[in-house]
């Protein structure tokens, strides 16, 4: 005799979650077997546990599923250790590379303009990392540089992006450090420089640092720009001008790492099934 429960076929859920707890935003991506991505983004704030929980709940709600349906959680980013549930940690570069490759299968290089640091990474087909260079001084090539300047100029992000498209000369900045940028910007304002000129100069400074990193990894097309800085159209155009490459920007530049983490989780689950 076969009991009824013995004949039940247990089917695992098809959802995989990636969590990227970054310095500025926490991102969650939920991936299914069809390749559909559902995501949520929340400010990281001072408590990564809260931001992870909030972003995860939002993503689950949008996907209309529950945490019990997630087969695996893969975490990355500064605050990854705050995830208070079973998960597998992967480095941010590994996850970013996988996420970029997921969104742009022909990508060979990507530039991440993050909140605290920028990176340029050469990748293989499928998202393996070949070579990378990371900025290491004072957030000079990162989105933080622009954030400091926009605060001094009292501009919203939208206003800053609009001004980035205005033609005009570029003010040269001697500092490559976000910490000292405030003093130099104030000096430039006193000299009569316009916000457009100051922003153009800051963008050129960031683009020059990114270009130097790109040359060290022999960047080539297809090249993708991601991270918060990729939302600044003026900066993307400036980097494109300096590199001499056509640049691709994801539909949501902030979530490449989270998507990559989810894709890695899916691979881990599929590999375990084959063993």
Protein backbone atom coordinates (compact mmCIF):
# COMPACT_ATOMS: atom_id res chain seq x y z
CA UNK A 1 0.00 0.00 0.00
CA UNK A 2 1.22 3.47 -0.88
CA UNK A 3 0.27 6.24 1.45
CA UNK A 4 -1.01 9.37 -0.20
CA UNK A 5 1.77 11.62 1.10
CA UNK A 6 4.37 9.24 -0.32
CA UNK A 7 3.08 9.83 -3.84
CA UNK A 8 3.34 13.62 -3.65
CA UNK A 9 5.96 15.10 -5.95
CA UNK A 10 7.74 17.92 -4.23
CA UNK A 11 8.52 20.81 -6.57
CA UNK A 12 10.99 23.48 -5.50
CA UNK A 13 10.17 27.13 -5.98
CA UNK A 14 11.67 28.76 -9.06
CA UNK A 15 12.64 32.06 -7.44
CA UNK A 16 16.18 33.24 -6.68
CA UNK A 17 16.97 36.42 -4.76
CA UNK A 18 19.98 38.69 -5.01
CA UNK A 19 20.64 41.37 -2.39
CA UNK A 20 23.13 44.19 -2.95
CA UNK A 21 23.47 46.23 0.23
CA UNK A 22 25.45 49.21 -1.05
CA UNK A 23 26.79 52.30 0.67
CA UNK A 24 23.90 54.47 -0.55
CA UNK A 25 21.11 52.13 -1.68
CA UNK A 26 20.09 48.57 -0.91
CA UNK A 27 18.79 46.68 -3.94
CA UNK A 28 16.93 43.38 -4.15
CA UNK A 29 16.29 41.45 -7.36
CA UNK A 30 14.11 38.34 -7.65
CA UNK A 31 14.77 36.17 -10.67
CA UNK A 32 12.65 33.30 -11.99
CA UNK A 33 13.42 30.44 -14.37
CA UNK A 34 12.04 32.43 -17.30
CA UNK A 35 14.57 35.21 -16.73
CA UNK A 36 12.00 37.70 -15.42
CA UNK A 37 13.39 40.18 -12.90
CA UNK A 38 11.42 41.91 -10.17
CA UNK A 39 13.32 44.43 -8.07
CA UNK A 40 13.12 47.00 -5.31
CA UNK A 41 15.47 49.76 -4.16
CA UNK A 42 15.63 51.43 -0.77
CA UNK A 43 18.08 53.89 0.84
CA UNK A 44 20.60 51.99 2.96
CA UNK A 45 20.54 54.51 5.78
CA UNK A 46 22.24 53.59 9.03
CA UNK A 47 20.68 50.18 9.53
CA UNK A 48 21.35 47.61 6.83
CA UNK A 49 19.06 45.05 8.44
CA UNK A 50 16.14 47.45 8.07
CA UNK A 51 16.97 48.42 4.48
CA UNK A 52 17.45 44.77 3.45
CA UNK A 53 14.16 43.77 5.05
CA UNK A 54 12.31 46.72 3.50
CA UNK A 55 13.68 46.18 -0.01
CA UNK A 56 13.11 42.43 0.17
CA UNK A 57 9.51 42.82 1.33
CA UNK A 58 8.85 45.32 -1.48
CA UNK A 59 10.32 43.00 -4.11
CA UNK A 60 8.33 40.02 -2.78
CA UNK A 61 5.13 42.07 -2.82
CA UNK A 62 5.73 43.20 -6.39
CA UNK A 63 6.45 39.63 -7.42
CA UNK A 64 3.36 38.46 -5.48
CA UNK A 65 5.24 35.73 -3.68
CA UNK A 66 6.61 35.07 -0.19
CA UNK A 67 10.03 34.60 1.35
CA UNK A 68 9.30 30.87 1.64
CA UNK A 69 9.26 30.61 -2.15
CA UNK A 70 12.85 31.80 -2.53
CA UNK A 71 15.22 28.91 -3.14
CA UNK A 72 18.41 30.80 -2.37
CA UNK A 73 19.59 34.23 -1.25
CA UNK A 74 22.90 35.55 -2.53
CA UNK A 75 24.20 38.73 -0.90
CA UNK A 76 26.85 41.29 -1.80
CA UNK A 77 27.86 44.85 -0.95
CA UNK A 78 29.04 46.75 2.13
CA UNK A 79 26.11 45.69 4.30
CA UNK A 80 25.75 42.07 3.16
CA UNK A 81 26.71 40.70 6.58
CA UNK A 82 23.57 42.31 8.06
CA UNK A 83 21.30 39.81 6.30
CA UNK A 84 19.94 37.79 9.23
CA UNK A 85 18.83 34.74 7.25
CA UNK A 86 20.73 31.94 5.48
CA UNK A 87 22.52 33.29 2.44
CA UNK A 88 25.62 32.92 0.31
CA UNK A 89 27.97 35.89 0.00
CA UNK A 90 29.68 36.80 -3.27
CA UNK A 91 31.99 39.74 -4.01
CA UNK A 92 30.48 42.87 -5.55
CA UNK A 93 32.67 42.66 -8.67
CA UNK A 94 31.63 39.05 -9.29
CA UNK A 95 27.95 39.95 -8.94
CA UNK A 96 28.21 43.10 -11.05
CA UNK A 97 29.96 41.20 -13.83
CA UNK A 98 27.29 38.51 -13.84
CA UNK A 99 24.50 41.10 -13.78
CA UNK A 100 25.97 43.10 -16.66
CA UNK A 101 26.37 39.92 -18.70
CA UNK A 102 22.78 38.92 -17.90
CA UNK A 103 21.48 42.25 -19.22
CA UNK A 104 24.00 42.66 -22.05
CA UNK A 105 25.25 39.24 -23.24
CA UNK A 106 27.76 40.81 -25.65
CA UNK A 107 29.35 43.08 -23.05
CA UNK A 108 33.13 42.93 -22.74
CA UNK A 109 33.67 45.83 -20.36
CA UNK A 110 31.66 47.67 -17.74
CA UNK A 111 32.17 50.86 -15.78
CA UNK A 112 30.55 51.11 -12.37
CA UNK A 113 30.21 54.65 -11.03
CA UNK A 114 29.25 53.82 -7.47
CA UNK A 115 28.45 55.95 -4.46
CA UNK A 116 31.92 55.62 -2.91
CA UNK A 117 34.16 54.12 -5.57
CA UNK A 118 34.26 53.52 -9.32
CA UNK A 119 35.51 50.44 -11.13
CA UNK A 120 36.28 49.41 -14.69
CA UNK A 121 36.06 45.68 -15.35
CA UNK A 122 36.83 43.49 -18.36
CA UNK A 123 34.56 40.47 -18.51
CA UNK A 124 34.33 37.26 -20.49
CA UNK A 125 31.22 35.89 -22.17
CA UNK A 126 28.94 34.71 -19.39
CA UNK A 127 30.18 37.25 -16.87
CA UNK A 128 33.54 35.95 -15.70
CA UNK A 129 35.96 38.63 -14.52
CA UNK A 130 39.14 38.97 -16.62
CA UNK A 131 40.68 42.12 -15.15
CA UNK A 132 39.56 45.08 -13.11
CA UNK A 133 40.78 48.40 -11.75
CA UNK A 134 39.15 50.17 -8.84
CA UNK A 135 39.42 53.84 -7.84
CA UNK A 136 41.09 54.24 -4.49
CA UNK A 137 41.44 57.92 -3.61
CA UNK A 138 38.90 60.12 -1.86
CA UNK A 139 35.90 59.04 -3.98
CA UNK A 140 37.24 61.34 -6.70
CA UNK A 141 35.94 59.20 -9.55
CA UNK A 142 32.66 58.24 -7.93
CA UNK A 143 29.13 59.53 -7.65
CA UNK A 144 30.00 60.95 -4.24
CA UNK A 145 32.04 63.65 -5.99
CA UNK A 146 28.95 64.84 -7.89
CA UNK A 147 26.79 64.56 -4.79
CA UNK A 148 29.08 66.90 -2.83
CA UNK A 149 29.08 69.46 -5.65
CA UNK A 150 25.29 69.32 -6.16
CA UNK A 151 24.77 70.00 -2.45
CA UNK A 152 27.02 73.07 -2.59
CA UNK A 153 25.19 74.35 -5.68
CA UNK A 154 21.83 73.53 -4.02
CA UNK A 155 20.70 71.50 -7.03
CA UNK A 156 18.45 68.45 -7.13
CA UNK A 157 19.60 65.45 -9.14
CA UNK A 158 17.10 66.31 -11.89
CA UNK A 159 18.35 69.91 -12.07
CA UNK A 160 21.92 68.72 -12.17
CA UNK A 161 21.18 66.37 -15.07
CA UNK A 162 19.37 69.12 -16.96
CA UNK A 163 22.29 71.51 -16.56
CA UNK A 164 24.66 68.78 -17.72
CA UNK A 165 23.19 69.07 -21.20
CA UNK A 166 23.76 72.81 -21.44
CA UNK A 167 26.71 73.77 -23.68
CA UNK A 168 29.52 75.78 -22.13
CA UNK A 169 33.13 75.77 -21.06
CA UNK A 170 34.54 73.34 -18.51
CA UNK A 171 36.19 74.65 -15.38
CA UNK A 172 39.42 72.82 -14.57
CA UNK A 173 39.63 71.35 -11.08
CA UNK A 174 42.98 70.69 -9.46
CA UNK A 175 41.66 68.31 -6.81
CA UNK A 176 40.58 64.75 -7.44
CA UNK A 177 39.32 64.36 -3.88
CA UNK A 178 35.65 64.69 -2.98
CA UNK A 179 36.62 65.93 0.48
CA UNK A 180 38.52 68.96 -0.87
CA UNK A 181 36.14 69.56 -3.77
CA UNK A 182 33.89 71.68 -1.55
CA UNK A 183 36.58 74.30 -0.97
CA UNK A 184 37.52 74.47 -4.64
CA UNK A 185 33.90 74.72 -5.81
CA UNK A 186 33.25 77.58 -3.40
CA UNK A 187 36.34 79.32 -4.75
CA UNK A 188 35.14 78.86 -8.32
CA UNK A 189 31.74 80.32 -7.45
CA UNK A 190 33.46 83.35 -5.94
CA UNK A 191 35.39 83.75 -9.20
CA UNK A 192 32.10 83.93 -11.09
CA UNK A 193 31.86 80.43 -12.56
CA UNK A 194 28.33 79.28 -13.42
CA UNK A 195 26.81 76.02 -12.14
CA UNK A 196 26.94 74.65 -15.71
CA UNK A 197 30.67 75.35 -15.95
CA UNK A 198 31.37 73.86 -12.53
CA UNK A 199 29.38 70.70 -13.22
CA UNK A 200 31.06 70.28 -16.61
CA UNK A 201 34.44 70.56 -14.94
CA UNK A 202 33.57 68.04 -12.23
CA UNK A 203 32.22 65.60 -14.81
CA UNK A 204 35.36 65.95 -16.87
CA UNK A 205 37.48 65.25 -13.79
CA UNK A 206 35.49 62.08 -13.05
CA UNK A 207 35.56 61.04 -16.72
CA UNK A 208 39.33 61.47 -16.88
CA UNK A 209 39.83 59.20 -13.87
CA UNK A 210 37.48 56.59 -15.34
CA UNK A 211 39.28 56.79 -18.69
CA UNK A 212 42.63 56.20 -17.00
CA UNK A 213 41.23 53.08 -15.33
CA UNK A 214 39.63 51.92 -18.60
CA UNK A 215 42.95 52.19 -20.42
CA UNK A 216 44.58 49.97 -17.80
CA UNK A 217 42.15 47.13 -18.51
CA UNK A 218 42.07 47.70 -22.29
CA UNK A 219 38.37 48.51 -22.31
CA UNK A 220 36.49 47.59 -25.47
CA UNK A 221 32.94 47.41 -26.79
CA UNK A 222 30.34 46.48 -25.90
CA UNK A 223 30.87 48.67 -22.86
CA UNK A 224 28.20 49.16 -20.17
CA UNK A 225 27.92 51.94 -17.57
CA UNK A 226 26.12 51.11 -14.33
CA UNK A 227 25.83 52.36 -10.77
CA UNK A 228 24.18 55.57 -9.65
CA UNK A 229 26.48 57.71 -11.77
CA UNK A 230 25.03 56.11 -14.90
CA UNK A 231 21.81 58.04 -14.25
CA UNK A 232 23.67 61.29 -14.93
CA UNK A 233 23.32 61.70 -18.70
CA UNK A 234 25.98 64.39 -18.81
CA UNK A 235 28.53 62.18 -17.09
CA UNK A 236 27.77 59.23 -19.37
CA UNK A 237 28.23 61.44 -22.45
CA UNK A 238 31.50 62.78 -21.05
CA UNK A 239 32.85 59.29 -20.39
CA UNK A 240 31.71 58.22 -23.83
CA UNK A 241 33.58 61.18 -25.35
CA UNK A 242 36.78 60.40 -23.45
CA UNK A 243 36.72 56.65 -24.12
CA UNK A 244 35.68 56.91 -27.74
CA UNK A 245 33.26 54.02 -27.20
CA UNK A 246 29.49 53.72 -27.50
CA UNK A 247 28.18 53.10 -24.00
CA UNK A 248 25.15 51.06 -22.98
CA UNK A 249 23.09 51.98 -19.90
CA UNK A 250 20.77 49.45 -18.18
CA UNK A 251 17.07 50.24 -17.72
CA UNK A 252 17.87 50.64 -14.00
CA UNK A 253 21.63 51.18 -13.48
CA UNK A 254 21.48 50.52 -9.74
CA UNK A 255 20.43 46.88 -9.83
CA UNK A 256 23.14 45.13 -11.85
CA UNK A 257 24.77 43.73 -8.71
CA UNK A 258 21.49 42.43 -7.30
CA UNK A 259 20.55 40.83 -10.63
CA UNK A 260 23.97 39.23 -10.84
CA UNK A 261 23.64 37.87 -7.31
CA UNK A 262 20.26 36.35 -8.18
CA UNK A 263 21.66 34.85 -11.41
CA UNK A 264 24.55 33.30 -9.48
CA UNK A 265 22.04 31.85 -7.02
CA UNK A 266 20.13 30.29 -9.88
CA UNK A 267 23.33 28.73 -11.24
CA UNK A 268 24.16 27.31 -7.81
CA UNK A 269 20.74 25.69 -7.53
CA UNK A 270 20.86 24.22 -11.03
CA UNK A 271 24.33 22.82 -10.44
CA UNK A 272 23.21 21.18 -7.19
CA UNK A 273 20.33 19.51 -9.02
CA UNK A 274 22.74 17.98 -11.54
CA UNK A 275 24.96 16.45 -8.86
